[in-house]
PDB file of N, CA and C in Angstrom:
ATOM      1  N   UNK A   1       9.266 -10.887-155.797  1.00  0.00           N
ATOM      2  CA  UNK A   1       9.209  -9.483-156.148  1.00  0.00           C
ATOM      3  C   UNK A   1       9.042  -8.678-154.858  1.00  0.00           C
ATOM      4  N   UNK A   2       9.896  -7.723-154.681  1.00  0.00           N
ATOM      5  CA  UNK A   2       9.832  -6.862-153.506  1.00  0.00           C
ATOM      6  C   UNK A   2       8.830  -5.748-153.788  1.00  0.00           C
ATOM      7  N   UNK A   3       7.747  -5.696-153.034  1.00  0.00           N
ATOM      8  CA  UNK A   3       6.681  -4.730-153.290  1.00  0.00           C
ATOM      9  C   UNK A   3       6.821  -3.432-152.511  1.00  0.00           C
ATOM     10  N   UNK A   4       7.947  -3.238-151.864  1.00  0.00           N
ATOM     11  CA  UNK A   4       8.113  -2.029-151.064  1.00  0.00           C
ATOM     12  C   UNK A   4       6.938  -1.858-150.115  1.00  0.00           C
ATOM     13  N   UNK A   5       6.800  -2.833-149.241  1.00  0.00           N
ATOM     14  CA  UNK A   5       5.661  -2.925-148.343  1.00  0.00           C
ATOM     15  C   UNK A   5       5.296  -1.616-147.654  1.00  0.00           C
ATOM     16  N   UNK A   6       6.254  -0.817-147.187  1.00  0.00           N
ATOM     17  CA  UNK A   6       5.843   0.439-146.544  1.00  0.00           C
ATOM     18  C   UNK A   6       5.009   1.332-147.470  1.00  0.00           C
ATOM     19  N   UNK A   7       5.316   1.365-148.736  1.00  0.00           N
ATOM     20  CA  UNK A   7       4.526   2.177-149.679  1.00  0.00           C
ATOM     21  C   UNK A   7       3.134   1.585-149.856  1.00  0.00           C
ATOM     22  N   UNK A   8       3.060   0.280-150.014  1.00  0.00           N
ATOM     23  CA  UNK A   8       1.773  -0.383-150.228  1.00  0.00           C
ATOM     24  C   UNK A   8       0.879  -0.211-149.007  1.00  0.00           C
ATOM     25  N   UNK A   9       1.465  -0.310-147.816  1.00  0.00           N
ATOM     26  CA  UNK A   9       0.681  -0.206-146.581  1.00  0.00           C
ATOM     27  C   UNK A   9       0.007   1.151-146.412  1.00  0.00           C
ATOM     28  N   UNK A  10       0.598   2.194-146.972  1.00  0.00           N
ATOM     29  CA  UNK A  10      -0.006   3.521-146.840  1.00  0.00           C
ATOM     30  C   UNK A  10      -0.749   3.940-148.106  1.00  0.00           C
ATOM     31  N   UNK A  11      -0.951   2.984-149.014  1.00  0.00           N
ATOM     32  CA  UNK A  11      -1.748   3.249-150.204  1.00  0.00           C
ATOM     33  C   UNK A  11      -1.008   3.888-151.363  1.00  0.00           C
ATOM     34  N   UNK A  12       0.310   3.916-151.304  1.00  0.00           N
ATOM     35  CA  UNK A  12       1.084   4.480-152.409  1.00  0.00           C
ATOM     36  C   UNK A  12       1.468   3.380-153.387  1.00  0.00           C
ATOM     37  N   UNK A  13       1.531   3.686-154.671  1.00  0.00           N
ATOM     38  CA  UNK A  13       1.941   2.667-155.636  1.00  0.00           C
ATOM     39  C   UNK A  13       3.435   2.404-155.538  1.00  0.00           C
ATOM     40  N   UNK A  14       3.839   1.229-155.931  1.00  0.00           N
ATOM     41  CA  UNK A  14       5.260   0.900-155.957  1.00  0.00           C
ATOM     42  C   UNK A  14       5.891   1.529-157.189  1.00  0.00           C
ATOM     43  N   UNK A  15       7.204   1.632-157.176  1.00  0.00           N
ATOM     44  CA  UNK A  15       7.910   2.219-158.309  1.00  0.00           C
ATOM     45  C   UNK A  15       7.645   1.408-159.571  1.00  0.00           C
ATOM     46  N   UNK A  16       7.648   0.074-159.451  1.00  0.00           N
ATOM     47  CA  UNK A  16       7.452  -0.742-160.647  1.00  0.00           C
ATOM     48  C   UNK A  16       6.061  -0.525-161.243  1.00  0.00           C
ATOM     49  N   UNK A  17       5.059  -0.285-160.424  1.00  0.00           N
ATOM     50  CA  UNK A  17       3.718  -0.077-160.975  1.00  0.00           C
ATOM     51  C   UNK A  17       3.588   1.292-161.614  1.00  0.00           C
ATOM     52  N   UNK A  18       4.458   2.211-161.243  1.00  0.00           N
ATOM     53  CA  UNK A  18       4.427   3.535-161.861  1.00  0.00           C
ATOM     54  C   UNK A  18       5.187   3.565-163.177  1.00  0.00           C
ATOM     55  N   UNK A  19       6.063   2.596-163.391  1.00  0.00           N
ATOM     56  CA  UNK A  19       6.893   2.618-164.594  1.00  0.00           C
ATOM     57  C   UNK A  19       6.577   1.501-165.569  1.00  0.00           C
ATOM     58  N   UNK A  20       5.786   0.515-165.179  1.00  0.00           N
ATOM     59  CA  UNK A  20       5.511  -0.629-166.050  1.00  0.00           C
ATOM     60  C   UNK A  20       4.018  -0.950-166.009  1.00  0.00           C
ATOM     61  N   UNK A  21       3.356  -0.783-167.142  1.00  0.00           N
ATOM     62  CA  UNK A  21       1.916  -1.020-167.206  1.00  0.00           C
ATOM     63  C   UNK A  21       1.570  -2.449-166.799  1.00  0.00           C
ATOM     64  N   UNK A  22       2.344  -3.421-167.214  1.00  0.00           N
ATOM     65  CA  UNK A  22       2.066  -4.819-166.893  1.00  0.00           C
ATOM     66  C   UNK A  22       2.119  -5.114-165.409  1.00  0.00           C
ATOM     67  N   UNK A  23       2.988  -4.465-164.684  1.00  0.00           N
ATOM     68  CA  UNK A  23       3.122  -4.713-163.251  1.00  0.00           C
ATOM     69  C   UNK A  23       1.930  -4.177-162.462  1.00  0.00           C
ATOM     70  N   UNK A  24       1.311  -3.114-162.930  1.00  0.00           N
ATOM     71  CA  UNK A  24       0.187  -2.514-162.220  1.00  0.00           C
ATOM     72  C   UNK A  24      -0.943  -3.513-162.027  1.00  0.00           C
ATOM     73  N   UNK A  25      -1.109  -4.437-162.964  1.00  0.00           N
ATOM     74  CA  UNK A  25      -2.193  -5.417-162.880  1.00  0.00           C
ATOM     75  C   UNK A  25      -2.072  -6.291-161.636  1.00  0.00           C
ATOM     76  N   UNK A  26      -0.875  -6.493-161.132  1.00  0.00           N
ATOM     77  CA  UNK A  26      -0.694  -7.367-159.988  1.00  0.00           C
ATOM     78  C   UNK A  26      -1.096  -6.709-158.680  1.00  0.00           C
ATOM     79  N   UNK A  27      -1.330  -5.421-158.686  1.00  0.00           N
ATOM     80  CA  UNK A  27      -1.719  -4.718-157.470  1.00  0.00           C
ATOM     81  C   UNK A  27      -3.226  -4.567-157.345  1.00  0.00           C
ATOM     82  N   UNK A  28      -3.969  -4.973-158.344  1.00  0.00           N
ATOM     83  CA  UNK A  28      -5.424  -4.908-158.281  1.00  0.00           C
ATOM     84  C   UNK A  28      -6.038  -4.391-159.561  1.00  0.00           C
ATOM     85  N   UNK A  29      -7.348  -4.408-159.567  1.00  0.00           N
ATOM     86  CA  UNK A  29      -8.080  -3.954-160.739  1.00  0.00           C
ATOM     87  C   UNK A  29      -8.016  -2.444-160.886  1.00  0.00           C
ATOM     88  N   UNK A  30      -7.974  -2.003-162.107  1.00  0.00           N
ATOM     89  CA  UNK A  30      -8.095  -0.587-162.421  1.00  0.00           C
ATOM     90  C   UNK A  30      -9.305  -0.473-163.337  1.00  0.00           C
ATOM     91  N   UNK A  31     -10.374   0.078-162.812  1.00  0.00           N
ATOM     92  CA  UNK A  31     -11.597   0.227-163.594  1.00  0.00           C
ATOM     93  C   UNK A  31     -11.579   1.586-164.280  1.00  0.00           C
ATOM     94  N   UNK A  32     -11.900   1.579-165.571  1.00  0.00           N
ATOM     95  CA  UNK A  32     -11.900   2.834-166.316  1.00  0.00           C
ATOM     96  C   UNK A  32     -13.039   2.848-167.320  1.00  0.00           C
ATOM     97  N   UNK A  33     -13.400   4.047-167.743  1.00  0.00           N
ATOM     98  CA  UNK A  33     -14.477   4.252-168.703  1.00  0.00           C
ATOM     99  C   UNK A  33     -13.874   4.193-170.102  1.00  0.00           C
ATOM    100  N   UNK A  34     -14.031   3.056-170.777  1.00  0.00           N
ATOM    101  CA  UNK A  34     -13.433   2.863-172.097  1.00  0.00           C
ATOM    102  C   UNK A  34     -13.948   3.881-173.110  1.00  0.00           C
ATOM    103  N   UNK A  35     -15.162   4.361-172.910  1.00  0.00           N
ATOM    104  CA  UNK A  35     -15.732   5.339-173.837  1.00  0.00           C
ATOM    105  C   UNK A  35     -15.060   6.706-173.728  1.00  0.00           C
ATOM    106  N   UNK A  36     -14.317   6.941-172.662  1.00  0.00           N
ATOM    107  CA  UNK A  36     -13.684   8.256-172.460  1.00  0.00           C
ATOM    108  C   UNK A  36     -12.188   8.254-172.769  1.00  0.00           C
ATOM    109  N   UNK A  37     -11.636   7.086-173.133  1.00  0.00           N
ATOM    110  CA  UNK A  37     -10.197   7.002-173.394  1.00  0.00           C
ATOM    111  C   UNK A  37      -9.801   7.876-174.586  1.00  0.00           C
ATOM    112  N   UNK A  38     -10.530   7.770-175.690  1.00  0.00           N
ATOM    113  CA  UNK A  38     -10.200   8.572-176.873  1.00  0.00           C
ATOM    114  C   UNK A  38     -10.301  10.063-176.560  1.00  0.00           C
ATOM    115  N   UNK A  39     -11.323  10.430-175.810  1.00  0.00           N
ATOM    116  CA  UNK A  39     -11.491  11.836-175.417  1.00  0.00           C
ATOM    117  C   UNK A  39     -10.277  12.318-174.617  1.00  0.00           C
ATOM    118  N   UNK A  40      -9.821  11.499-173.677  1.00  0.00           N
ATOM    119  CA  UNK A  40      -8.663  11.877-172.861  1.00  0.00           C
ATOM    120  C   UNK A  40      -7.400  11.959-173.712  1.00  0.00           C
ATOM    121  N   UNK A  41      -7.239  11.003-174.618  1.00  0.00           N
ATOM    122  CA  UNK A  41      -6.049  10.990-175.473  1.00  0.00           C
ATOM    123  C   UNK A  41      -6.051  12.147-176.470  1.00  0.00           C
ATOM    124  N   UNK A  42      -7.213  12.710-176.724  1.00  0.00           N
ATOM    125  CA  UNK A  42      -7.342  13.813-177.685  1.00  0.00           C
ATOM    126  C   UNK A  42      -7.248  15.184-177.028  1.00  0.00           C
ATOM    127  N   UNK A  43      -6.856  15.225-175.774  1.00  0.00           N
ATOM    128  CA  UNK A  43      -6.727  16.500-175.070  1.00  0.00           C
ATOM    129  C   UNK A  43      -5.768  17.400-175.847  1.00  0.00           C
ATOM    130  N   UNK A  44      -6.230  18.590-176.243  1.00  0.00           N
ATOM    131  CA  UNK A  44      -5.408  19.438-177.113  1.00  0.00           C
ATOM    132  C   UNK A  44      -4.145  19.990-176.444  1.00  0.00           C
ATOM    133  N   UNK A  45      -4.185  20.219-175.163  1.00  0.00           N
ATOM    134  CA  UNK A  45      -3.053  20.804-174.446  1.00  0.00           C
ATOM    135  C   UNK A  45      -2.346  19.711-173.651  1.00  0.00           C
ATOM    136  N   UNK A  46      -1.062  19.498-173.934  1.00  0.00           N
ATOM    137  CA  UNK A  46      -0.298  18.448-173.251  1.00  0.00           C
ATOM    138  C   UNK A  46      -0.364  18.557-171.739  1.00  0.00           C
ATOM    139  N   UNK A  47      -0.465  19.772-171.218  1.00  0.00           N
ATOM    140  CA  UNK A  47      -0.486  19.930-169.765  1.00  0.00           C
ATOM    141  C   UNK A  47      -1.792  19.422-169.161  1.00  0.00           C
ATOM    142  N   UNK A  48      -2.801  19.161-169.975  1.00  0.00           N
ATOM    143  CA  UNK A  48      -4.071  18.643-169.479  1.00  0.00           C
ATOM    144  C   UNK A  48      -4.188  17.135-169.537  1.00  0.00           C
ATOM    145  N   UNK A  49      -3.168  16.452-170.077  1.00  0.00           N
ATOM    146  CA  UNK A  49      -3.251  14.998-170.238  1.00  0.00           C
ATOM    147  C   UNK A  49      -3.376  14.256-168.915  1.00  0.00           C
ATOM    148  N   UNK A  50      -2.611  14.673-167.918  1.00  0.00           N
ATOM    149  CA  UNK A  50      -2.641  13.973-166.629  1.00  0.00           C
ATOM    150  C   UNK A  50      -4.046  14.004-166.031  1.00  0.00           C
ATOM    151  N   UNK A  51      -4.642  15.178-165.967  1.00  0.00           N
ATOM    152  CA  UNK A  51      -5.982  15.296-165.394  1.00  0.00           C
ATOM    153  C   UNK A  51      -7.010  14.583-166.268  1.00  0.00           C
ATOM    154  N   UNK A  52      -6.848  14.634-167.581  1.00  0.00           N
ATOM    155  CA  UNK A  52      -7.773  13.936-168.480  1.00  0.00           C
ATOM    156  C   UNK A  52      -7.717  12.430-168.234  1.00  0.00           C
ATOM    157  N   UNK A  53      -6.514  11.900-168.024  1.00  0.00           N
ATOM    158  CA  UNK A  53      -6.378  10.472-167.747  1.00  0.00           C
ATOM    159  C   UNK A  53      -7.014  10.124-166.405  1.00  0.00           C
ATOM    160  N   UNK A  54      -6.826  10.961-165.417  1.00  0.00           N
ATOM    161  CA  UNK A  54      -7.428  10.702-164.100  1.00  0.00           C
ATOM    162  C   UNK A  54      -8.946  10.639-164.189  1.00  0.00           C
ATOM    163  N   UNK A  55      -9.537  11.434-165.055  1.00  0.00           N
ATOM    164  CA  UNK A  55     -10.991  11.458-165.194  1.00  0.00           C
ATOM    165  C   UNK A  55     -11.534  10.180-165.829  1.00  0.00           C
ATOM    166  N   UNK A  56     -10.676   9.409-166.474  1.00  0.00           N
ATOM    167  CA  UNK A  56     -11.085   8.149-167.101  1.00  0.00           C
ATOM    168  C   UNK A  56     -11.254   7.052-166.049  1.00  0.00           C
ATOM    169  N   UNK A  57     -10.456   7.102-164.985  1.00  0.00           N
ATOM    170  CA  UNK A  57     -10.512   6.075-163.949  1.00  0.00           C
ATOM    171  C   UNK A  57     -11.805   6.181-163.151  1.00  0.00           C
ATOM    172  N   UNK A  58     -12.346   5.033-162.767  1.00  0.00           N
ATOM    173  CA  UNK A  58     -13.606   4.977-162.029  1.00  0.00           C
ATOM    174  C   UNK A  58     -13.361   4.624-160.570  1.00  0.00           C
ATOM    175  N   UNK A  59     -14.252   5.050-159.705  1.00  0.00           N
ATOM    176  CA  UNK A  59     -14.177   4.771-158.269  1.00  0.00           C
ATOM    177  C   UNK A  59     -14.670   3.347-158.021  1.00  0.00           C
ATOM    178  N   UNK A  60     -13.787   2.433-157.591  1.00  0.00           N
ATOM    179  CA  UNK A  60     -14.197   1.040-157.388  1.00  0.00           C
ATOM    180  C   UNK A  60     -15.151   0.851-156.212  1.00  0.00           C
ATOM    181  N   UNK A  61     -15.391   1.910-155.427  1.00  0.00           N
ATOM    182  CA  UNK A  61     -16.317   1.821-154.294  1.00  0.00           C
ATOM    183  C   UNK A  61     -17.679   2.417-154.619  1.00  0.00           C
ATOM    184  N   UNK A  62     -17.804   3.017-155.789  1.00  0.00           N
ATOM    185  CA  UNK A  62     -19.078   3.595-156.221  1.00  0.00           C
ATOM    186  C   UNK A  62     -20.031   2.446-156.562  1.00  0.00           C
ATOM    187  N   UNK A  63     -21.188   2.359-155.901  1.00  0.00           N
ATOM    188  CA  UNK A  63     -22.119   1.251-156.155  1.00  0.00           C
ATOM    189  C   UNK A  63     -22.515   1.117-157.624  1.00  0.00           C
ATOM    190  N   UNK A  64     -22.596   2.233-158.345  1.00  0.00           N
ATOM    191  CA  UNK A  64     -22.944   2.163-159.776  1.00  0.00           C
ATOM    192  C   UNK A  64     -21.819   1.521-160.579  1.00  0.00           C
ATOM    193  N   UNK A  65     -20.579   1.819-160.215  1.00  0.00           N
ATOM    194  CA  UNK A  65     -19.424   1.235-160.899  1.00  0.00           C
ATOM    195  C   UNK A  65     -19.358  -0.259-160.611  1.00  0.00           C
ATOM    196  N   UNK A  66     -19.562  -0.635-159.348  1.00  0.00           N
ATOM    197  CA  UNK A  66     -19.547  -2.052-158.967  1.00  0.00           C
ATOM    198  C   UNK A  66     -20.638  -2.809-159.713  1.00  0.00           C
ATOM    199  N   UNK A  67     -21.839  -2.249-159.765  1.00  0.00           N
ATOM    200  CA  UNK A  67     -22.951  -2.913-160.452  1.00  0.00           C
ATOM    201  C   UNK A  67     -22.650  -3.083-161.941  1.00  0.00           C
ATOM    202  N   UNK A  68     -22.090  -2.062-162.573  1.00  0.00           N
ATOM    203  CA  UNK A  68     -21.757  -2.155-163.997  1.00  0.00           C
ATOM    204  C   UNK A  68     -20.657  -3.188-164.234  1.00  0.00           C
ATOM    205  N   UNK A  69     -19.676  -3.245-163.338  1.00  0.00           N
ATOM    206  CA  UNK A  69     -18.599  -4.229-163.470  1.00  0.00           C
ATOM    207  C   UNK A  69     -19.134  -5.644-163.308  1.00  0.00           C
ATOM    208  N   UNK A  70     -20.049  -5.832-162.375  1.00  0.00           N
ATOM    209  CA  UNK A  70     -20.650  -7.156-162.198  1.00  0.00           C
ATOM    210  C   UNK A  70     -21.467  -7.545-163.428  1.00  0.00           C
ATOM    211  N   UNK A  71     -22.217  -6.592-163.994  1.00  0.00           N
ATOM    212  CA  UNK A  71     -22.995  -6.880-165.208  1.00  0.00           C
ATOM    213  C   UNK A  71     -22.080  -7.244-166.376  1.00  0.00           C
ATOM    214  N   UNK A  72     -20.897  -6.641-166.401  1.00  0.00           N
ATOM    215  CA  UNK A  72     -19.926  -6.921-167.459  1.00  0.00           C
ATOM    216  C   UNK A  72     -19.106  -8.168-167.159  1.00  0.00           C
ATOM    217  N   UNK A  73     -19.400  -8.820-166.032  1.00  0.00           N
ATOM    218  CA  UNK A  73     -18.724 -10.052-165.617  1.00  0.00           C
ATOM    219  C   UNK A  73     -17.216  -9.853-165.436  1.00  0.00           C
ATOM    220  N   UNK A  74     -16.849  -8.723-164.834  1.00  0.00           N
ATOM    221  CA  UNK A  74     -15.445  -8.447-164.543  1.00  0.00           C
ATOM    222  C   UNK A  74     -15.099  -9.125-163.225  1.00  0.00           C
ATOM    223  N   UNK A  75     -14.178 -10.102-163.248  1.00  0.00           N
ATOM    224  CA  UNK A  75     -13.836 -10.817-162.014  1.00  0.00           C
ATOM    225  C   UNK A  75     -13.161  -9.898-161.006  1.00  0.00           C
ATOM    226  N   UNK A  76     -13.404 -10.173-159.730  1.00  0.00           N
ATOM    227  CA  UNK A  76     -12.780  -9.394-158.671  1.00  0.00           C
ATOM    228  C   UNK A  76     -13.590  -8.200-158.227  1.00  0.00           C
ATOM    229  N   UNK A  77     -14.780  -8.030-158.778  1.00  0.00           N
ATOM    230  CA  UNK A  77     -15.646  -6.935-158.366  1.00  0.00           C
ATOM    231  C   UNK A  77     -16.805  -7.512-157.577  1.00  0.00           C
ATOM    232  N   UNK A  78     -17.349  -6.714-156.704  1.00  0.00           N
ATOM    233  CA  UNK A  78     -18.496  -7.179-155.928  1.00  0.00           C
ATOM    234  C   UNK A  78     -18.123  -8.305-154.988  1.00  0.00           C
ATOM    235  N   UNK A  79     -18.972  -9.307-154.920  1.00  0.00           N
ATOM    236  CA  UNK A  79     -18.771 -10.394-153.961  1.00  0.00           C
ATOM    237  C   UNK A  79     -17.986 -11.555-154.548  1.00  0.00           C
ATOM    238  N   UNK A  80     -17.655 -11.496-155.831  1.00  0.00           N
ATOM    239  CA  UNK A  80     -16.964 -12.604-156.476  1.00  0.00           C
ATOM    240  C   UNK A  80     -15.476 -12.278-156.616  1.00  0.00           C
ATOM    241  N   UNK A  81     -14.602 -13.027-155.922  1.00  0.00           N
ATOM    242  CA  UNK A  81     -13.168 -12.746-156.013  1.00  0.00           C
ATOM    243  C   UNK A  81     -12.608 -13.212-157.354  1.00  0.00           C
ATOM    244  N   UNK A  82     -11.452 -12.668-157.764  1.00  0.00           N
ATOM    245  CA  UNK A  82     -10.850 -13.133-159.011  1.00  0.00           C
ATOM    246  C   UNK A  82     -10.426 -14.582-158.890  1.00  0.00           C
ATOM    247  N   UNK A  83     -10.470 -15.306-159.997  1.00  0.00           N
ATOM    248  CA  UNK A  83     -10.143 -16.728-159.963  1.00  0.00           C
ATOM    249  C   UNK A  83      -8.658 -16.984-160.139  1.00  0.00           C
ATOM    250  N   UNK A  84      -7.895 -15.986-160.477  1.00  0.00           N
ATOM    251  CA  UNK A  84      -6.460 -16.173-160.665  1.00  0.00           C
ATOM    252  C   UNK A  84      -5.830 -14.894-161.170  1.00  0.00           C
ATOM    253  N   UNK A  85      -4.567 -14.976-161.591  1.00  0.00           N
ATOM    254  CA  UNK A  85      -3.892 -13.776-162.083  1.00  0.00           C
ATOM    255  C   UNK A  85      -4.511 -13.315-163.392  1.00  0.00           C
ATOM    256  N   UNK A  86      -4.326 -12.047-163.730  1.00  0.00           N
ATOM    257  CA  UNK A  86      -4.890 -11.554-164.982  1.00  0.00           C
ATOM    258  C   UNK A  86      -4.268 -12.254-166.175  1.00  0.00           C
ATOM    259  N   UNK A  87      -5.040 -12.408-167.224  1.00  0.00           N
ATOM    260  CA  UNK A  87      -4.514 -13.054-168.420  1.00  0.00           C
ATOM    261  C   UNK A  87      -3.737 -12.039-169.238  1.00  0.00           C
ATOM    262  N   UNK A  88      -2.803 -12.520-170.004  1.00  0.00           N
ATOM    263  CA  UNK A  88      -2.005 -11.660-170.861  1.00  0.00           C
ATOM    264  C   UNK A  88      -2.692 -11.560-172.209  1.00  0.00           C
ATOM    265  N   UNK A  89      -2.907 -10.329-172.689  1.00  0.00           N
ATOM    266  CA  UNK A  89      -3.585 -10.187-173.990  1.00  0.00           C
ATOM    267  C   UNK A  89      -2.766 -10.727-175.123  1.00  0.00           C
TER     268      UNK A  89
END
């Protein structure tokens, strides 16, 4: 798979990760607040959906987020690396 290395090197997502939810998993963890998903999806104005979705994502460098992810036993957070590729639901 060609990852468009120049984009990845400067922190930009690849085209495939922007168009395919399954491909995004291969670029790393995406931590989000599951309790806020319904709230974001219920945004009354369509023009607010993008910002509402952004507010669901969590900062993977925030010590509180890392601690919560470790407590939830999410692999790849903190000092424990992931043991392999993500599983398919």
